[in-house]
């Protein structure tokens, strides 16, 4: 298993959680 750490920063309502879900799906984590 690869150890990947990605930081997503931004103000509330900017779509951080949505972006995290998209990235996780693309990487096959979800």
N, C-alpha and C. Protein backbone atom coordinates (compact mmCIF):
# COMPACT_ATOMS: atom_id res chain seq x y z
N UNK A 1 0.84 -1.19 0.00
CA UNK A 1 0.00 0.00 0.00
C UNK A 1 0.88 1.24 0.00
N UNK A 2 0.56 2.17 -0.87
CA UNK A 2 1.29 3.43 -0.93
C UNK A 2 0.85 4.34 0.21
N UNK A 3 1.78 5.09 0.72
CA UNK A 3 1.47 6.08 1.75
C UNK A 3 1.39 7.44 1.08
N UNK A 4 0.16 7.87 0.79
CA UNK A 4 -0.06 9.13 0.09
C UNK A 4 -0.69 10.12 1.05
N UNK A 5 -0.13 11.31 1.11
CA UNK A 5 -0.70 12.38 1.93
C UNK A 5 -0.97 13.58 1.04
N UNK A 6 -2.22 14.01 1.05
CA UNK A 6 -2.63 15.15 0.24
C UNK A 6 -3.31 16.15 1.16
N UNK A 7 -2.89 17.41 1.09
CA UNK A 7 -3.50 18.46 1.90
C UNK A 7 -4.38 19.32 1.00
N UNK A 8 -5.61 19.54 1.45
CA UNK A 8 -6.54 20.40 0.72
C UNK A 8 -6.95 21.51 1.67
N UNK A 9 -6.69 22.74 1.26
CA UNK A 9 -6.94 23.89 2.13
C UNK A 9 -7.90 24.85 1.43
N UNK A 10 -8.67 25.56 2.22
CA UNK A 10 -9.55 26.56 1.67
C UNK A 10 -10.61 26.95 2.68
N UNK A 11 -11.35 27.99 2.37
CA UNK A 11 -12.40 28.45 3.27
C UNK A 11 -13.59 27.50 3.27
N UNK A 12 -14.45 27.64 4.27
CA UNK A 12 -15.64 26.79 4.33
C UNK A 12 -16.51 27.05 3.11
N UNK A 13 -17.08 25.98 2.60
CA UNK A 13 -17.94 26.10 1.42
C UNK A 13 -17.20 26.12 0.10
N UNK A 14 -15.90 25.88 0.12
CA UNK A 14 -15.10 25.95 -1.11
C UNK A 14 -15.10 24.63 -1.88
N UNK A 15 -15.61 23.55 -1.28
CA UNK A 15 -15.65 22.26 -1.96
C UNK A 15 -14.51 21.34 -1.62
N UNK A 16 -13.91 21.51 -0.44
CA UNK A 16 -12.77 20.67 -0.04
C UNK A 16 -13.18 19.20 0.09
N UNK A 17 -14.30 18.95 0.73
CA UNK A 17 -14.75 17.56 0.91
C UNK A 17 -15.09 16.92 -0.42
N UNK A 18 -15.73 17.68 -1.28
CA UNK A 18 -16.07 17.17 -2.61
C UNK A 18 -14.80 16.83 -3.38
N UNK A 19 -13.82 17.71 -3.33
CA UNK A 19 -12.56 17.47 -4.03
C UNK A 19 -11.84 16.26 -3.44
N UNK A 20 -11.87 16.12 -2.11
CA UNK A 20 -11.24 14.97 -1.46
C UNK A 20 -11.88 13.67 -1.92
N UNK A 21 -13.19 13.65 -2.05
CA UNK A 21 -13.89 12.44 -2.50
C UNK A 21 -13.53 12.11 -3.94
N UNK A 22 -13.43 13.12 -4.79
CA UNK A 22 -13.07 12.90 -6.19
C UNK A 22 -11.65 12.35 -6.29
N UNK A 23 -10.72 12.94 -5.54
CA UNK A 23 -9.33 12.47 -5.55
C UNK A 23 -9.24 11.05 -5.03
N UNK A 24 -9.94 10.75 -3.93
CA UNK A 24 -9.91 9.40 -3.37
C UNK A 24 -10.47 8.39 -4.37
N UNK A 25 -11.53 8.75 -5.05
CA UNK A 25 -12.11 7.84 -6.04
C UNK A 25 -11.13 7.59 -7.18
N UNK A 26 -10.49 8.64 -7.67
CA UNK A 26 -9.53 8.50 -8.76
C UNK A 26 -8.33 7.64 -8.36
N UNK A 27 -7.94 7.72 -7.08
CA UNK A 27 -6.80 6.94 -6.60
C UNK A 27 -7.20 5.53 -6.17
N UNK A 28 -8.50 5.24 -6.23
CA UNK A 28 -8.98 3.91 -5.87
C UNK A 28 -9.05 3.68 -4.37
N UNK A 29 -9.13 4.75 -3.59
CA UNK A 29 -9.20 4.62 -2.14
C UNK A 29 -10.64 4.39 -1.70
N UNK A 30 -11.59 4.99 -2.41
CA UNK A 30 -13.02 4.80 -2.10
C UNK A 30 -13.64 3.88 -3.10
